[in-house]
Amino acid sequence: MTNDSGNIMLALLTGAAIGAGFGILYAPDKGTKTREKIREKALDTTHEITERVTHAKDELTKTANEKKVEFEQKLEDTLSNMSYKADDIIATLERKLEELKKKNAQLQK
């Protein structure tokens, strides 16, 4: 839906909601019936909003948990990779140390 058609749809829905509100308020029903209709509509809206918020919270929690697991796996892989690289560096330094010890021994003679 383009932005213009979205704005038109929003305007139509807003107009319909306002019209329905005025229709209820100015209806020939008694005040008690009108208030009851308003109360029921408010309760329905409250329940709908609560359900939507709960659904959004559940989706957010699910996504956060998935991202947490993904992050933990990447962190574990990175730490493992760093450990292997550290082992390689240590082995290289040990070889260099042995070479230097041999050169030093030759120079001492």
N, C-alpha and C. Protein backbone atom coordinates (compact mmCIF):
# COMPACT_ATOMS: atom_id res chain seq x y z
N MET A 1 0.85 -1.15 0.00
CA MET A 1 0.00 0.00 0.00
C MET A 1 0.90 1.23 0.00
N THR A 2 0.59 2.19 -0.87
CA THR A 2 1.40 3.39 -0.91
C THR A 2 1.04 4.29 0.25
N ASN A 3 1.84 5.31 0.45
CA ASN A 3 1.63 6.22 1.57
C ASN A 3 0.30 6.96 1.44
N ASP A 4 -0.06 7.40 0.21
CA ASP A 4 -1.32 8.13 0.01
C ASP A 4 -2.52 7.25 0.30
N SER A 5 -2.51 6.03 -0.21
CA SER A 5 -3.65 5.15 0.04
C SER A 5 -3.71 4.75 1.51
N GLY A 6 -2.55 4.65 2.17
CA GLY A 6 -2.53 4.36 3.61
C GLY A 6 -3.13 5.50 4.39
N ASN A 7 -2.82 6.74 3.98
CA ASN A 7 -3.38 7.91 4.66
C ASN A 7 -4.89 7.99 4.44
N ILE A 8 -5.33 7.67 3.24
CA ILE A 8 -6.76 7.68 2.95
C ILE A 8 -7.47 6.64 3.79
N MET A 9 -6.89 5.43 3.88
CA MET A 9 -7.49 4.37 4.67
C MET A 9 -7.56 4.77 6.14
N LEU A 10 -6.50 5.36 6.65
CA LEU A 10 -6.47 5.81 8.04
C LEU A 10 -7.54 6.87 8.27
N ALA A 11 -7.68 7.80 7.34
CA ALA A 11 -8.69 8.85 7.47
C ALA A 11 -10.10 8.25 7.46
N LEU A 12 -10.33 7.28 6.58
CA LEU A 12 -11.65 6.64 6.53
C LEU A 12 -11.96 5.90 7.83
N LEU A 13 -10.98 5.16 8.35
CA LEU A 13 -11.20 4.42 9.60
C LEU A 13 -11.41 5.37 10.77
N THR A 14 -10.64 6.45 10.80
CA THR A 14 -10.81 7.44 11.87
C THR A 14 -12.19 8.08 11.78
N GLY A 15 -12.60 8.44 10.58
CA GLY A 15 -13.93 9.02 10.39
C GLY A 15 -15.03 8.06 10.79
N ALA A 16 -14.86 6.78 10.46
CA ALA A 16 -15.86 5.78 10.83
C ALA A 16 -15.94 5.63 12.34
N ALA A 17 -14.79 5.63 13.00
CA ALA A 17 -14.79 5.50 14.47
C ALA A 17 -15.45 6.71 15.12
N ILE A 18 -15.14 7.90 14.63
CA ILE A 18 -15.75 9.11 15.18
C ILE A 18 -17.25 9.10 14.92
N GLY A 19 -17.63 8.72 13.71
CA GLY A 19 -19.06 8.64 13.37
C GLY A 19 -19.80 7.65 14.25
N ALA A 20 -19.18 6.50 14.50
CA ALA A 20 -19.81 5.50 15.36
C ALA A 20 -19.95 6.04 16.77
N GLY A 21 -18.94 6.75 17.23
CA GLY A 21 -19.01 7.34 18.58
C GLY A 21 -20.14 8.34 18.69
N PHE A 22 -20.27 9.23 17.70
CA PHE A 22 -21.37 10.19 17.72
C PHE A 22 -22.71 9.49 17.58
N GLY A 23 -22.75 8.45 16.76
CA GLY A 23 -23.99 7.71 16.59
C GLY A 23 -24.47 7.10 17.89
N ILE A 24 -23.54 6.56 18.65
CA ILE A 24 -23.91 5.97 19.95
C ILE A 24 -24.35 7.06 20.91
N LEU A 25 -23.61 8.15 20.95
CA LEU A 25 -23.93 9.22 21.90
C LEU A 25 -25.27 9.90 21.59
N TYR A 26 -25.60 10.02 20.31
CA TYR A 26 -26.84 10.70 19.93
C TYR A 26 -27.95 9.74 19.54
N ALA A 27 -27.79 8.47 19.83
CA ALA A 27 -28.81 7.48 19.50
C ALA A 27 -30.03 7.70 20.40
N PRO A 28 -31.18 7.23 19.93
CA PRO A 28 -32.40 7.43 20.71
C PRO A 28 -32.50 6.51 21.94
N ASP A 29 -31.46 5.70 22.19
CA ASP A 29 -31.49 4.82 23.36
C ASP A 29 -31.44 5.64 24.64
N LYS A 30 -31.84 4.98 25.72
CA LYS A 30 -31.73 5.61 27.03
C LYS A 30 -30.25 5.80 27.37
N GLY A 31 -29.98 6.68 28.29
CA GLY A 31 -28.60 6.95 28.71
C GLY A 31 -27.93 5.72 29.28
N THR A 32 -28.69 4.90 30.00
CA THR A 32 -28.09 3.70 30.59
C THR A 32 -27.66 2.72 29.51
N LYS A 33 -28.48 2.58 28.48
CA LYS A 33 -28.11 1.68 27.38
C LYS A 33 -26.90 2.21 26.63
N THR A 34 -26.89 3.50 26.40
CA THR A 34 -25.76 4.11 25.70
C THR A 34 -24.48 3.94 26.50
N ARG A 35 -24.55 4.20 27.81
CA ARG A 35 -23.37 4.03 28.65
C ARG A 35 -22.92 2.57 28.67
N GLU A 36 -23.87 1.65 28.66
CA GLU A 36 -23.53 0.22 28.64
C GLU A 36 -22.82 -0.14 27.33
N LYS A 37 -23.30 0.41 26.22
CA LYS A 37 -22.65 0.16 24.93
C LYS A 37 -21.22 0.70 24.93
N ILE A 38 -21.07 1.91 25.47
CA ILE A 38 -19.74 2.52 25.53
C ILE A 38 -18.82 1.68 26.42
N ARG A 39 -19.35 1.24 27.56
CA ARG A 39 -18.56 0.42 28.49
C ARG A 39 -18.14 -0.89 27.83
N GLU A 40 -19.08 -1.55 27.13
CA GLU A 40 -18.76 -2.81 26.46
C GLU A 40 -17.70 -2.60 25.37
N LYS A 41 -17.84 -1.53 24.61
CA LYS A 41 -16.87 -1.25 23.55
C LYS A 41 -15.50 -0.96 24.16
N ALA A 42 -15.48 -0.22 25.27
CA ALA A 42 -14.22 0.08 25.93
C ALA A 42 -13.57 -1.20 26.45
N LEU A 43 -14.37 -2.10 27.01
CA LEU A 43 -13.83 -3.37 27.50
C LEU A 43 -13.29 -4.21 26.35
N ASP A 44 -14.05 -4.26 25.25
CA ASP A 44 -13.59 -5.01 24.08
C ASP A 44 -12.26 -4.46 23.57
N THR A 45 -12.18 -3.14 23.49
CA THR A 45 -10.95 -2.50 23.02
C THR A 45 -9.80 -2.78 23.97
N THR A 46 -10.08 -2.72 25.27
CA THR A 46 -9.04 -3.00 26.27
C THR A 46 -8.53 -4.42 26.12
N HIS A 47 -9.44 -5.37 25.95
CA HIS A 47 -9.03 -6.77 25.77
C HIS A 47 -8.21 -6.94 24.49
N GLU A 48 -8.63 -6.29 23.43
CA GLU A 48 -7.90 -6.41 22.16
C GLU A 48 -6.49 -5.82 22.30
N ILE A 49 -6.39 -4.66 22.92
CA ILE A 49 -5.07 -4.04 23.12
C ILE A 49 -4.19 -4.93 23.99
N THR A 50 -4.78 -5.48 25.05
CA THR A 50 -4.03 -6.36 25.94
C THR A 50 -3.50 -7.57 25.18
N GLU A 51 -4.34 -8.16 24.35
CA GLU A 51 -3.92 -9.32 23.55
C GLU A 51 -2.79 -8.95 22.60
N ARG A 52 -2.91 -7.80 21.97
CA ARG A 52 -1.87 -7.37 21.03
C ARG A 52 -0.55 -7.10 21.74
N VAL A 53 -0.63 -6.45 22.91
CA VAL A 53 0.59 -6.17 23.67
C VAL A 53 1.23 -7.48 24.13
N THR A 54 0.40 -8.42 24.60
CA THR A 54 0.91 -9.72 25.04
C THR A 54 1.58 -10.45 23.87
N HIS A 55 0.93 -10.42 22.72
CA HIS A 55 1.50 -11.08 21.54
C HIS A 55 2.83 -10.43 21.15
N ALA A 56 2.86 -9.09 21.16
CA ALA A 56 4.10 -8.39 20.81
C ALA A 56 5.20 -8.71 21.81
N LYS A 57 4.85 -8.78 23.09
CA LYS A 57 5.83 -9.12 24.13
C LYS A 57 6.37 -10.53 23.91
N ASP A 58 5.47 -11.46 23.61
CA ASP A 58 5.89 -12.84 23.37
C ASP A 58 6.82 -12.94 22.16
N GLU A 59 6.48 -12.23 21.10
CA GLU A 59 7.32 -12.23 19.90
C GLU A 59 8.69 -11.62 20.19
N LEU A 60 8.69 -10.53 20.95
CA LEU A 60 9.95 -9.88 21.31
C LEU A 60 10.81 -10.80 22.16
N THR A 61 10.19 -11.49 23.11
CA THR A 61 10.92 -12.42 23.97
C THR A 61 11.50 -13.56 23.14
N LYS A 62 10.69 -14.09 22.22
CA LYS A 62 11.15 -15.18 21.36
C LYS A 62 12.34 -14.74 20.52
N THR A 63 12.23 -13.57 19.91
CA THR A 63 13.31 -13.06 19.07
C THR A 63 14.57 -12.80 19.90
N ALA A 64 14.38 -12.24 21.09
CA ALA A 64 15.54 -11.97 21.97
C ALA A 64 16.23 -13.27 22.35
N ASN A 65 15.46 -14.30 22.67
CA ASN A 65 16.05 -15.59 23.03
C ASN A 65 16.80 -16.21 21.85
N GLU A 66 16.23 -16.10 20.66
CA GLU A 66 16.90 -16.63 19.47
C GLU A 66 18.22 -15.89 19.24
N LYS A 67 18.20 -14.57 19.37
CA LYS A 67 19.42 -13.78 19.17
C LYS A 67 20.44 -14.08 20.26
N LYS A 68 19.98 -14.35 21.47
CA LYS A 68 20.88 -14.69 22.57
C LYS A 68 21.62 -15.99 22.26
N VAL A 69 20.87 -17.00 21.81
CA VAL A 69 21.48 -18.29 21.47
C VAL A 69 22.47 -18.10 20.33
N GLU A 70 22.09 -17.33 19.33
CA GLU A 70 22.97 -17.07 18.19
C GLU A 70 24.25 -16.36 18.65
N PHE A 71 24.11 -15.36 19.52
CA PHE A 71 25.27 -14.63 20.03
C PHE A 71 26.18 -15.55 20.84
N GLU A 72 25.58 -16.38 21.70
CA GLU A 72 26.39 -17.30 22.51
C GLU A 72 27.18 -18.26 21.64
N GLN A 73 26.57 -18.74 20.56
CA GLN A 73 27.26 -19.66 19.65
C GLN A 73 28.42 -18.95 18.95
N LYS A 74 28.17 -17.72 18.48
CA LYS A 74 29.24 -16.97 17.82
C LYS A 74 30.36 -16.66 18.79
N LEU A 75 30.01 -16.32 20.03
CA LEU A 75 31.03 -16.03 21.04
C LEU A 75 31.86 -17.27 21.32
N GLU A 76 31.20 -18.41 21.45
CA GLU A 76 31.91 -19.67 21.70
C GLU A 76 32.85 -19.99 20.54
N ASP A 77 32.37 -19.82 19.32
CA ASP A 77 33.21 -20.07 18.14
C ASP A 77 34.42 -19.13 18.11
N THR A 78 34.18 -17.86 18.42
CA THR A 78 35.27 -16.88 18.41
C THR A 78 36.30 -17.20 19.47
N LEU A 79 35.85 -17.52 20.68
CA LEU A 79 36.78 -17.86 21.75
C LEU A 79 37.58 -19.12 21.43
N SER A 80 36.92 -20.09 20.83
CA SER A 80 37.61 -21.31 20.44
C SER A 80 38.67 -21.01 19.38
N ASN A 81 38.30 -20.19 18.41
CA ASN A 81 39.23 -19.81 17.35
C ASN A 81 40.42 -19.04 17.93
N MET A 82 40.14 -18.14 18.87
CA MET A 82 41.22 -17.38 19.50
C MET A 82 42.14 -18.30 20.29
N SER A 83 41.59 -19.32 20.91
CA SER A 83 42.40 -20.26 21.68
C SER A 83 43.36 -21.00 20.76
N TYR A 84 42.86 -21.44 19.58
CA TYR A 84 43.73 -22.12 18.63
C TYR A 84 44.82 -21.18 18.13
N LYS A 85 44.47 -19.93 17.87
CA LYS A 85 45.47 -18.97 17.40
C LYS A 85 46.51 -18.71 18.48
N ALA A 86 46.07 -18.61 19.73
CA ALA A 86 47.01 -18.41 20.84
C ALA A 86 47.97 -19.59 20.93
N ASP A 87 47.45 -20.80 20.77
CA ASP A 87 48.31 -21.99 20.79
C ASP A 87 49.34 -21.93 19.67
N ASP A 88 48.91 -21.51 18.48
CA ASP A 88 49.83 -21.38 17.35
C ASP A 88 50.91 -20.34 17.64
N ILE A 89 50.53 -19.23 18.22
CA ILE A 89 51.50 -18.17 18.54
C ILE A 89 52.50 -18.66 19.57
N ILE A 90 52.01 -19.36 20.59
CA ILE A 90 52.91 -19.89 21.62
C ILE A 90 53.89 -20.89 21.02
N ALA A 91 53.40 -21.76 20.15
CA ALA A 91 54.28 -22.74 19.51
C ALA A 91 55.34 -22.03 18.66
N THR A 92 54.95 -21.01 17.93
CA THR A 92 55.91 -20.26 17.11
C THR A 92 56.95 -19.57 17.99
N LEU A 93 56.51 -18.97 19.08
CA LEU A 93 57.45 -18.31 19.99
C LEU A 93 58.42 -19.30 20.63
N GLU A 94 57.93 -20.49 20.96
CA GLU A 94 58.80 -21.52 21.54
C GLU A 94 59.86 -21.95 20.53
N ARG A 95 59.47 -22.09 19.26
CA ARG A 95 60.44 -22.45 18.22
C ARG A 95 61.49 -21.34 18.07
N LYS A 96 61.04 -20.10 18.05
CA LYS A 96 61.98 -18.98 17.93
C LYS A 96 62.93 -18.94 19.13
N LEU A 97 62.41 -19.22 20.33
CA LEU A 97 63.24 -19.23 21.53
C LEU A 97 64.32 -20.31 21.42
N GLU A 98 63.95 -21.48 20.95
CA GLU A 98 64.92 -22.57 20.77
C GLU A 98 65.99 -22.17 19.76
N GLU A 99 65.57 -21.53 18.66
CA GLU A 99 66.53 -21.08 17.66
C GLU A 99 67.51 -20.07 18.27
N LEU A 100 66.99 -19.15 19.05
CA LEU A 100 67.85 -18.14 19.69
C LEU A 100 68.79 -18.77 20.71
N LYS A 101 68.31 -19.78 21.43
CA LYS A 101 69.17 -20.47 22.39
C LYS A 101 70.32 -21.16 21.66
N LYS A 102 70.02 -21.78 20.51
CA LYS A 102 71.06 -22.45 19.72
C LYS A 102 72.08 -21.45 19.20
N LYS A 103 71.60 -20.31 18.70
CA LYS A 103 72.52 -19.28 18.20
C LYS A 103 73.38 -18.73 19.34
N ASN A 104 72.78 -18.56 20.49
CA ASN A 104 73.51 -18.06 21.65
C ASN A 104 74.58 -19.07 22.07
N ALA A 105 74.23 -20.35 22.05
CA ALA A 105 75.20 -21.40 22.41
C ALA A 105 76.36 -21.40 21.43
N GLN A 106 76.10 -21.21 20.15
CA GLN A 106 77.15 -21.18 19.14
C GLN A 106 78.05 -19.96 19.34
N LEU A 107 77.46 -18.84 19.70
CA LEU A 107 78.25 -17.63 19.92
C LEU A 107 79.09 -17.74 21.20
N GLN A 108 78.66 -18.52 22.15
CA GLN A 108 79.38 -18.69 23.41
C GLN A 108 80.64 -19.52 23.21
N LYS A 109 80.70 -20.34 22.19
CA LYS A 109 81.85 -21.24 21.95
C LYS A 109 83.02 -20.54 21.45
